[in-house]
Amino acid sequence: MDAFLGVLIAFLAVMSVAYGGYVFGTYVKSRGMSKTNLGLAMAALVMTAISFVGDATYAQSDTIDFDLAPFFESLNVYLPIFIGLFAVIGGIAGAIGAVVKAFSGTGAF
């Protein structure tokens, strides 16, 4: 549950930043700001945002390790099953298509 909450918070943060950029962009567009002033405003905005960032003391480690062994074990079990199912489904679909084409009067091939 904690991982889901972390992903949700990250998603909301990205959406908030995107919406803030949209609002800022429409404000700049309505003011008719030049490219130089826009660059200065963006630099000031970034410097202001950086000043609010605190220390990353909550970080636990610099690296993230994933154990991929269970993924590959389940892949080795389920992949042959899915390939077989897709082959059967594809064969049935092809046969149905051939039957429909044969009875349509245009010929089987």
Protein backbone atom coordinates (compact mmCIF):
# COMPACT_ATOMS: atom_id res chain seq x y z
CA MET A 1 0.00 0.00 0.00
CA ASP A 2 2.89 2.35 0.73
CA ALA A 3 4.32 1.88 -2.76
CA PHE A 4 0.95 2.67 -4.32
CA LEU A 5 0.65 5.80 -2.19
CA GLY A 6 4.15 6.88 -3.21
CA VAL A 7 3.34 6.41 -6.90
CA LEU A 8 0.09 8.34 -6.44
CA ILE A 9 1.89 11.22 -4.72
CA ALA A 10 4.54 11.30 -7.47
CA PHE A 11 1.81 11.33 -10.13
CA LEU A 12 0.00 14.19 -8.40
CA ALA A 13 3.26 16.13 -8.10
CA VAL A 14 4.00 15.72 -11.82
CA MET A 15 0.45 16.75 -12.73
CA SER A 16 0.67 19.79 -10.44
CA VAL A 17 3.94 20.88 -12.03
CA ALA A 18 2.50 20.37 -15.52
CA TYR A 19 -0.61 22.39 -14.67
CA GLY A 20 1.53 25.12 -13.10
CA GLY A 21 3.60 25.28 -16.28
CA TYR A 22 0.43 25.53 -18.35
CA VAL A 23 -0.91 28.39 -16.20
CA PHE A 24 2.45 30.15 -16.32
CA GLY A 25 2.64 29.69 -20.10
CA THR A 26 -0.83 31.11 -20.70
CA TYR A 27 0.00 34.07 -18.46
CA VAL A 28 3.20 34.74 -20.38
CA LYS A 29 1.40 34.38 -23.70
CA SER A 30 -1.32 36.82 -22.67
CA ARG A 31 1.28 39.38 -21.60
CA GLY A 32 3.17 39.15 -24.89
CA MET A 33 6.52 38.68 -23.14
CA SER A 34 9.67 38.59 -25.26
CA LYS A 35 11.92 35.54 -25.39
CA THR A 36 14.60 37.24 -23.31
CA ASN A 37 12.17 38.17 -20.56
CA LEU A 38 10.66 34.71 -20.73
CA GLY A 39 14.09 33.15 -20.23
CA LEU A 40 14.77 35.41 -17.26
CA ALA A 41 11.37 34.61 -15.76
CA MET A 42 11.98 30.87 -16.15
CA ALA A 43 15.44 31.17 -14.58
CA ALA A 44 13.94 33.08 -11.65
CA LEU A 45 11.18 30.47 -11.32
CA VAL A 46 13.68 27.61 -11.28
CA MET A 47 15.95 29.34 -8.76
CA THR A 48 12.95 30.02 -6.53
CA ALA A 49 11.82 26.41 -6.75
CA ILE A 50 15.32 25.16 -5.91
CA SER A 51 15.46 27.37 -2.84
CA PHE A 52 12.41 25.58 -1.40
CA VAL A 53 13.92 22.11 -1.75
CA GLY A 54 15.18 20.73 1.54
CA ASP A 55 17.87 18.19 2.29
CA ALA A 56 17.28 14.69 1.01
CA THR A 57 17.69 13.15 4.46
CA TYR A 58 14.69 10.90 3.89
CA ALA A 59 16.44 8.99 1.11
CA GLN A 60 17.37 5.47 2.13
CA SER A 61 19.92 4.45 -0.48
CA ASP A 62 21.53 5.57 -3.71
CA THR A 63 20.76 2.37 -5.60
CA ILE A 64 17.65 0.31 -6.12
CA ASP A 65 18.07 -3.45 -6.44
CA PHE A 66 15.40 -5.55 -8.10
CA ASP A 67 15.29 -9.31 -7.78
CA LEU A 68 14.26 -10.43 -11.25
CA ALA A 69 14.50 -14.17 -10.57
CA PRO A 70 10.75 -14.57 -9.73
CA PHE A 71 9.83 -12.68 -12.91
CA PHE A 72 11.90 -14.95 -15.13
CA GLU A 73 10.70 -18.06 -13.32
CA SER A 74 7.06 -17.14 -13.93
CA LEU A 75 7.92 -16.11 -17.49
CA ASN A 76 9.39 -19.57 -18.14
CA VAL A 77 6.19 -21.14 -16.80
CA TYR A 78 3.54 -18.97 -18.48
CA LEU A 79 5.15 -18.00 -21.81
CA PRO A 80 4.73 -21.45 -23.46
CA ILE A 81 1.10 -21.52 -22.31
CA PHE A 82 0.34 -18.11 -23.78
CA ILE A 83 2.14 -18.88 -27.04
CA GLY A 84 0.07 -22.05 -27.39
CA LEU A 85 -3.16 -20.21 -26.65
CA PHE A 86 -2.37 -17.47 -29.18
CA ALA A 87 -1.51 -20.11 -31.81
CA VAL A 88 -4.82 -21.88 -31.26
CA ILE A 89 -6.76 -18.60 -31.32
CA GLY A 90 -4.94 -17.51 -34.48
CA GLY A 91 -5.67 -20.84 -36.16
CA ILE A 92 -9.36 -20.63 -35.27
CA ALA A 93 -9.57 -17.05 -36.52
CA GLY A 94 -7.86 -18.00 -39.78
CA ALA A 95 -10.20 -20.96 -40.28
CA ILE A 96 -13.27 -18.83 -39.61
CA GLY A 97 -12.00 -16.24 -42.06
CA ALA A 98 -11.48 -18.91 -44.72
CA VAL A 99 -14.98 -20.32 -44.18
CA VAL A 100 -16.56 -16.86 -44.37
CA LYS A 101 -14.59 -16.08 -47.52
CA ALA A 102 -15.61 -19.43 -49.09
CA PHE A 103 -19.30 -18.84 -48.47
CA SER A 104 -19.14 -15.22 -49.61
CA GLY A 105 -18.86 -16.32 -53.25
CA THR A 106 -15.41 -14.84 -53.90
CA GLY A 107 -13.56 -18.11 -53.51
CA ALA A 108 -11.45 -19.54 -50.70
CA PHE A 109 -8.15 -18.07 -51.88
